[in-house]
């Protein structure tokens, strides 16, 4: 139970491999698919917080990561 407090679901960035946390809506879609309530062919877009690459991911590729998600790097405007 304690390990669930320090974990989150996400995907690995296709460019750099950094874990990308996903929204609660994407997690709920994964749960609905797992229980057979929806077809399994759903995709979503996600942006990496490290390299800022945006890609399409398949819900079935979600997995559990341990620790805290990386905070978004804010770019300084000049």
Protein backbone atom coordinates (compact mmCIF):
# COMPACT_ATOMS: atom_id res chain seq x y z
CA UNK A 1 0.00 0.00 0.00
CA UNK A 2 2.78 2.45 0.83
CA UNK A 3 4.47 1.80 -2.53
CA UNK A 4 1.28 2.92 -4.33
CA UNK A 5 1.66 6.37 -2.75
CA UNK A 6 5.00 6.85 -4.49
CA UNK A 7 4.01 5.53 -7.90
CA UNK A 8 2.19 6.76 -10.98
CA UNK A 9 1.17 5.42 -14.37
CA UNK A 10 2.77 6.67 -17.52
CA UNK A 11 4.71 5.84 -20.68
CA UNK A 12 8.37 6.09 -21.59
CA UNK A 13 9.30 8.90 -23.98
CA UNK A 14 10.00 7.51 -27.44
CA UNK A 15 12.86 9.98 -27.90
CA UNK A 16 14.77 10.02 -24.60
CA UNK A 17 13.15 7.26 -22.49
CA UNK A 18 12.11 9.58 -19.62
CA UNK A 19 8.87 8.50 -17.86
CA UNK A 20 5.89 10.68 -18.83
CA UNK A 21 3.01 10.71 -16.31
CA UNK A 22 -0.48 10.56 -17.81
CA UNK A 23 -3.73 12.18 -16.75
CA UNK A 24 -6.36 10.51 -14.61
CA UNK A 25 -8.60 10.31 -17.70
CA UNK A 26 -6.05 8.17 -19.57
CA UNK A 27 -5.65 5.94 -16.51
CA UNK A 28 -9.44 5.49 -16.30
CA UNK A 29 -9.53 4.54 -20.01
CA UNK A 30 -6.87 1.90 -19.35
CA UNK A 31 -8.97 0.52 -16.48
CA UNK A 32 -12.11 0.42 -18.68
CA UNK A 33 -10.20 -1.46 -21.40
CA UNK A 34 -8.80 -3.91 -18.85
CA UNK A 35 -12.33 -4.76 -17.68
CA UNK A 36 -13.56 -5.21 -21.26
CA UNK A 37 -15.80 -2.15 -21.23
CA UNK A 38 -14.15 -0.54 -24.30
CA UNK A 39 -12.18 -1.62 -27.37
CA UNK A 40 -8.42 -1.68 -26.77
CA UNK A 41 -7.26 0.47 -29.68
CA UNK A 42 -7.14 3.89 -28.00
CA UNK A 43 -4.25 6.30 -28.45
CA UNK A 44 -3.32 9.59 -26.82
CA UNK A 45 -0.62 12.23 -27.16
CA UNK A 46 1.84 13.11 -24.43
CA UNK A 47 4.71 15.59 -24.17
CA UNK A 48 7.95 14.67 -22.43
CA UNK A 49 8.88 16.97 -19.57
CA UNK A 50 12.60 16.51 -20.22
CA UNK A 51 13.13 16.77 -24.01
CA UNK A 52 9.70 18.33 -24.78
CA UNK A 53 9.08 15.84 -27.60
CA UNK A 54 5.40 15.11 -28.24
CA UNK A 55 4.32 11.70 -29.55
CA UNK A 56 1.32 9.40 -29.90
CA UNK A 57 1.11 6.48 -27.47
CA UNK A 58 -1.17 3.44 -27.19
CA UNK A 59 -3.02 3.00 -23.89
CA UNK A 60 -1.87 -0.62 -23.61
CA UNK A 61 1.73 0.69 -23.25
CA UNK A 62 0.98 2.37 -19.91
CA UNK A 63 2.98 1.01 -16.99
CA UNK A 64 3.65 1.83 -13.36
CA UNK A 65 6.63 4.02 -12.44
CA UNK A 66 7.92 4.44 -8.89
CA UNK A 67 8.92 7.73 -7.29
CA UNK A 68 7.72 11.22 -8.09
CA UNK A 69 7.19 12.44 -11.67
CA UNK A 70 9.67 15.01 -12.96
CA UNK A 71 8.35 18.56 -12.79
CA UNK A 72 8.00 20.42 -16.08
CA UNK A 73 11.01 22.46 -17.09
CA UNK A 74 9.95 26.03 -17.77
CA UNK A 75 11.80 27.73 -20.59
CA UNK A 76 12.92 31.25 -19.99
CA UNK A 77 11.70 33.77 -22.58
CA UNK A 78 14.10 36.47 -23.67
